[in-house]
Amino acid sequence: MYGTVAKFTFKPGMQKPFMAAMDAEQGDPDPESVAVFGFTSDEDPDIGYMVAVFKSKEAYRNNADRPETNARFERMMEFMASEPEWHDGEVVYSEING
């Protein structure tokens, strides 16, 4: 498996509108996607994190090249104060309990 951990900085007060917009767009996941998790920081509500996992590095790269992915990213950036920090890599451990 392969994926990314991204750190987002929302424009002030935009975290909840961002989540509402992303919820409204669900329904067209990449078939090679394994899981996506979103977090908000306890310390700063304008900081968010996302973990996205794909079946392989090739699947991750193919998703990045999808026009739908780029369009979603452009819509997402309307809520962001800056470009996200992306940290890509091989998944070396996973465990999901219930």
C-alpha atoms as a PDB file:
ATOM      1  CA  MET A   1       0.000   0.000   0.000  1.00  0.00           C
ATOM      2  CA  TYR A   2       1.053   3.584  -0.603  1.00  0.00           C
ATOM      3  CA  GLY A   3      -0.339   6.963   0.347  1.00  0.00           C
ATOM      4  CA  THR A   4       0.050  10.419   1.722  1.00  0.00           C
ATOM      5  CA  VAL A   5      -0.309  12.376   4.926  1.00  0.00           C
ATOM      6  CA  ALA A   6      -1.263  15.979   4.246  1.00  0.00           C
ATOM      7  CA  LYS A   7      -1.323  18.948   6.601  1.00  0.00           C
ATOM      8  CA  PHE A   8      -3.813  21.708   5.761  1.00  0.00           C
ATOM      9  CA  THR A   9      -4.136  25.237   7.055  1.00  0.00           C
ATOM     10  CA  PHE A  10      -7.690  26.451   6.626  1.00  0.00           C
ATOM     11  CA  LYS A  11      -8.637  30.062   6.175  1.00  0.00           C
ATOM     12  CA  PRO A  12     -10.055  31.240   9.526  1.00  0.00           C
ATOM     13  CA  GLY A  13     -13.488  29.756  10.111  1.00  0.00           C
ATOM     14  CA  MET A  14     -13.419  27.633   6.948  1.00  0.00           C
ATOM     15  CA  GLN A  15     -12.890  24.175   8.464  1.00  0.00           C
ATOM     16  CA  LYS A  16     -16.604  23.392   8.907  1.00  0.00           C
ATOM     17  CA  PRO A  17     -17.634  24.752   5.478  1.00  0.00           C
ATOM     18  CA  PHE A  18     -14.806  22.689   3.969  1.00  0.00           C
ATOM     19  CA  MET A  19     -16.080  19.506   5.635  1.00  0.00           C
ATOM     20  CA  ALA A  20     -19.623  20.214   4.430  1.00  0.00           C
ATOM     21  CA  ALA A  21     -18.381  20.726   0.866  1.00  0.00           C
ATOM     22  CA  MET A  22     -16.305  17.534   0.938  1.00  0.00           C
ATOM     23  CA  ASP A  23     -19.228  15.530   2.369  1.00  0.00           C
ATOM     24  CA  ALA A  24     -21.424  16.777  -0.470  1.00  0.00           C
ATOM     25  CA  GLU A  25     -18.892  15.473  -3.023  1.00  0.00           C
ATOM     26  CA  GLN A  26     -18.631  11.912  -1.748  1.00  0.00           C
ATOM     27  CA  GLY A  27     -19.643   9.210  -4.157  1.00  0.00           C
ATOM     28  CA  ASP A  28     -16.871   8.968  -6.783  1.00  0.00           C
ATOM     29  CA  PRO A  29     -13.956   7.328  -4.969  1.00  0.00           C
ATOM     30  CA  ASP A  30     -11.032   5.963  -6.924  1.00  0.00           C
ATOM     31  CA  PRO A  31     -11.488   2.182  -7.167  1.00  0.00           C
ATOM     32  CA  GLU A  32      -7.881   1.700  -6.002  1.00  0.00           C
ATOM     33  CA  SER A  33      -8.437   3.770  -2.838  1.00  0.00           C
ATOM     34  CA  VAL A  34      -8.188   1.815   0.417  1.00  0.00           C
ATOM     35  CA  ALA A  35      -9.054   4.490   2.974  1.00  0.00           C
ATOM     36  CA  VAL A  36      -9.173   8.218   3.641  1.00  0.00           C
ATOM     37  CA  PHE A  37      -9.147   9.755   7.116  1.00  0.00           C
ATOM     38  CA  GLY A  38      -9.485  13.431   8.035  1.00  0.00           C
ATOM     39  CA  PHE A  39      -8.480  15.020  11.336  1.00  0.00           C
ATOM     40  CA  THR A  40      -8.663  18.441  12.915  1.00  0.00           C
ATOM     41  CA  SER A  41      -6.130  19.640  15.432  1.00  0.00           C
ATOM     42  CA  ASP A  42      -7.170  19.965  19.078  1.00  0.00           C
ATOM     43  CA  GLU A  43      -4.672  22.809  19.402  1.00  0.00           C
ATOM     44  CA  ASP A  44      -5.811  24.833  16.390  1.00  0.00           C
ATOM     45  CA  PRO A  45      -9.165  24.318  14.607  1.00  0.00           C
ATOM     46  CA  ASP A  46      -7.694  25.891  11.466  1.00  0.00           C
ATOM     47  CA  ILE A  47      -5.201  23.005  11.093  1.00  0.00           C
ATOM     48  CA  GLY A  48      -6.296  19.735   9.522  1.00  0.00           C
ATOM     49  CA  TYR A  49      -4.671  16.485   8.481  1.00  0.00           C
ATOM     50  CA  MET A  50      -5.648  13.892   5.913  1.00  0.00           C
ATOM     51  CA  VAL A  51      -4.377  10.364   5.426  1.00  0.00           C
ATOM     52  CA  ALA A  52      -5.139   8.755   2.049  1.00  0.00           C
ATOM     53  CA  VAL A  53      -4.134   5.155   1.329  1.00  0.00           C
ATOM     54  CA  PHE A  54      -4.123   3.371  -2.024  1.00  0.00           C
ATOM     55  CA  LYS A  55      -3.465  -0.211  -3.055  1.00  0.00           C
ATOM     56  CA  SER A  56      -0.102   0.678  -4.626  1.00  0.00           C
ATOM     57  CA  LYS A  57       2.182   3.550  -5.561  1.00  0.00           C
ATOM     58  CA  GLU A  58       0.979   3.219  -9.152  1.00  0.00           C
ATOM     59  CA  ALA A  59      -2.651   3.495  -8.004  1.00  0.00           C
ATOM     60  CA  TYR A  60      -1.766   6.588  -5.953  1.00  0.00           C
ATOM     61  CA  ARG A  61      -0.068   8.227  -8.947  1.00  0.00           C
ATOM     62  CA  ASN A  62      -2.944   7.271 -11.264  1.00  0.00           C
ATOM     63  CA  ASN A  63      -5.403   8.902  -8.856  1.00  0.00           C
ATOM     64  CA  ALA A  64      -3.297  12.066  -8.785  1.00  0.00           C
ATOM     65  CA  ASP A  65      -3.547  12.185 -12.591  1.00  0.00           C
ATOM     66  CA  ARG A  66      -7.363  11.880 -12.683  1.00  0.00           C
ATOM     67  CA  PRO A  67      -9.118  15.082 -13.858  1.00  0.00           C
ATOM     68  CA  GLU A  68     -11.668  14.548 -11.053  1.00  0.00           C
ATOM     69  CA  THR A  69      -8.887  14.611  -8.473  1.00  0.00           C
ATOM     70  CA  ASN A  70      -7.493  17.881  -9.810  1.00  0.00           C
ATOM     71  CA  ALA A  71     -10.940  19.489  -9.909  1.00  0.00           C
ATOM     72  CA  ARG A  72     -11.601  18.431  -6.313  1.00  0.00           C
ATOM     73  CA  PHE A  73      -8.213  19.811  -5.246  1.00  0.00           C
ATOM     74  CA  GLU A  74      -8.963  23.164  -6.884  1.00  0.00           C
ATOM     75  CA  ARG A  75     -12.318  23.361  -5.053  1.00  0.00           C
ATOM     76  CA  MET A  76     -10.595  22.366  -1.810  1.00  0.00           C
ATOM     77  CA  MET A  77      -8.046  25.181  -2.182  1.00  0.00           C
ATOM     78  CA  GLU A  78     -10.847  27.765  -1.925  1.00  0.00           C
ATOM     79  CA  PHE A  79     -10.964  26.911   1.800  1.00  0.00           C
ATOM     80  CA  MET A  80      -7.188  26.862   2.387  1.00  0.00           C
ATOM     81  CA  ALA A  81      -4.859  29.599   3.544  1.00  0.00           C
ATOM     82  CA  SER A  82      -1.917  27.949   1.749  1.00  0.00           C
ATOM     83  CA  GLU A  83      -0.886  24.881  -0.222  1.00  0.00           C
ATOM     84  CA  PRO A  84      -1.028  21.680   1.842  1.00  0.00           C
ATOM     85  CA  GLU A  85       2.136  19.935   2.983  1.00  0.00           C
ATOM     86  CA  TRP A  86       2.238  16.484   1.346  1.00  0.00           C
ATOM     87  CA  HIS A  87       4.197  13.578   2.803  1.00  0.00           C
ATOM     88  CA  ASP A  88       4.017  10.587   0.455  1.00  0.00           C
ATOM     89  CA  GLY A  89       5.283   7.113   1.236  1.00  0.00           C
ATOM     90  CA  GLU A  90       4.910   3.377   1.478  1.00  0.00           C
ATOM     91  CA  VAL A  91       2.510   2.122   4.146  1.00  0.00           C
ATOM     92  CA  VAL A  92       4.618  -0.120   6.390  1.00  0.00           C
ATOM     93  CA  TYR A  93       2.005  -0.808   9.066  1.00  0.00           C
ATOM     94  CA  SER A  94      -1.761  -0.666   9.272  1.00  0.00           C
ATOM     95  CA  GLU A  95      -4.373  -1.714  11.767  1.00  0.00           C
ATOM     96  CA  ILE A  96      -8.034  -0.802  11.836  1.00  0.00           C
ATOM     97  CA  ASN A  97     -10.032  -2.054  14.795  1.00  0.00           C
ATOM     98  CA  GLY A  98     -13.793  -1.948  14.458  1.00  0.00           C
END
